């Protein structure tokens, strides 16, 4: 298991993931974005305002990994520290 720093919008979380995910993180990021932006997915992150949009945090990536990618129950990902980075207030 390895730690990664997961940025979503202005939030950063420290997340522990299996080695195979950390070692190919860009591929998993791309696959997650394809999945979350696919309009036919009823994943619960869609919001309606002036149109259809998305609202999600780093927990969505962790949940996706655990439900669709990681098969070994002993290697499930989890957020170990939330809001690791706080943007400077102006």
Protein backbone atom coordinates (compact mmCIF):
# COMPACT_ATOMS: atom_id res chain seq x y z
CA UNK A 1 0.00 0.00 0.00
CA UNK A 2 1.19 3.51 -0.84
CA UNK A 3 0.07 7.02 0.03
CA UNK A 4 -1.03 9.44 -2.66
CA UNK A 5 -2.09 13.05 -2.45
CA UNK A 6 -5.49 13.29 -4.12
CA UNK A 7 -6.56 16.73 -5.35
CA UNK A 8 -10.20 17.38 -6.24
CA UNK A 9 -10.97 21.02 -6.92
CA UNK A 10 -9.45 22.96 -3.97
CA UNK A 11 -9.39 19.99 -1.61
CA UNK A 12 -6.52 17.59 -1.08
CA UNK A 13 -6.66 14.34 0.85
CA UNK A 14 -4.00 11.85 1.79
CA UNK A 15 -5.19 8.48 0.52
CA UNK A 16 -3.72 5.02 0.91
CA UNK A 17 -4.08 2.85 -2.19
CA UNK A 18 -2.71 -0.49 -3.37
CA UNK A 19 0.71 -0.36 -5.02
CA UNK A 20 -0.71 -1.22 -8.44
CA UNK A 21 -2.97 1.86 -8.31
CA UNK A 22 -0.24 4.22 -7.11
CA UNK A 23 2.20 2.91 -9.73
CA UNK A 24 -0.25 3.64 -12.58
CA UNK A 25 -2.20 6.50 -11.04
CA UNK A 26 -2.67 8.50 -14.24
CA UNK A 27 -4.46 5.58 -15.91
CA UNK A 28 -6.80 5.17 -12.94
CA UNK A 29 -7.46 8.90 -12.85
CA UNK A 30 -8.41 8.88 -16.54
CA UNK A 31 -10.67 5.84 -16.10
CA UNK A 32 -12.37 7.41 -13.08
CA UNK A 33 -13.05 10.63 -14.99
CA UNK A 34 -14.52 8.66 -17.93
CA UNK A 35 -16.77 6.81 -15.49
CA UNK A 36 -17.93 9.81 -13.48
CA UNK A 37 -18.64 11.96 -16.57
CA UNK A 38 -20.57 9.22 -18.39
CA UNK A 39 -24.14 10.52 -18.39
CA UNK A 40 -25.68 7.08 -18.29
CA UNK A 41 -24.04 6.31 -14.92
CA UNK A 42 -26.44 6.72 -12.03
CA UNK A 43 -23.69 7.16 -9.43
CA UNK A 44 -25.35 9.82 -7.30
CA UNK A 45 -22.95 12.67 -8.11
CA UNK A 46 -25.15 14.34 -10.71
CA UNK A 47 -26.77 17.65 -9.75
CA UNK A 48 -29.26 19.81 -11.58
CA UNK A 49 -29.05 23.57 -11.69
CA UNK A 50 -29.14 25.40 -14.99
CA UNK A 51 -28.28 22.04 -16.52
CA UNK A 52 -26.72 18.75 -15.54
CA UNK A 53 -23.49 18.94 -13.54
CA UNK A 54 -21.33 16.99 -11.14
CA UNK A 55 -20.62 17.49 -7.45
CA UNK A 56 -18.10 15.16 -5.86
CA UNK A 57 -15.11 15.02 -3.53
CA UNK A 58 -12.11 12.72 -3.27
CA UNK A 59 -14.33 10.20 -1.55
CA UNK A 60 -15.91 9.47 -4.95
CA UNK A 61 -12.54 8.32 -6.33
CA UNK A 62 -11.89 6.15 -3.28
CA UNK A 63 -15.37 4.61 -3.50
CA UNK A 64 -14.92 3.94 -7.24
CA UNK A 65 -11.58 2.23 -6.61
CA UNK A 66 -13.02 0.07 -3.85
CA UNK A 67 -16.17 -0.92 -5.74
CA UNK A 68 -14.89 -1.33 -9.30
CA UNK A 69 -11.10 -1.78 -9.29
CA UNK A 70 -9.78 -3.33 -6.07
CA UNK A 71 -10.81 -6.93 -5.54
CA UNK A 72 -8.71 -7.80 -2.48
CA UNK A 73 -10.62 -6.87 0.69
CA UNK A 74 -7.30 -6.40 2.51
CA UNK A 75 -6.15 -3.71 0.07
CA UNK A 76 -9.13 -1.36 0.04
CA UNK A 77 -8.32 2.33 -0.33
CA UNK A 78 -9.19 4.90 2.27
CA UNK A 79 -8.69 8.55 3.05
CA UNK A 80 -6.23 8.81 5.92
CA UNK A 81 -6.20 12.59 6.25
CA UNK A 82 -8.84 14.99 4.94
CA UNK A 83 -8.24 18.55 3.83
CA UNK A 84 -4.49 18.02 3.82
CA UNK A 85 -4.02 21.28 1.90
CA UNK A 86 -5.78 24.54 2.65
CA UNK A 87 -5.54 27.17 -0.06
CA UNK A 88 -4.36 30.55 1.11
CA UNK A 89 -7.24 32.92 1.72
CA UNK A 90 -7.07 36.19 -0.15
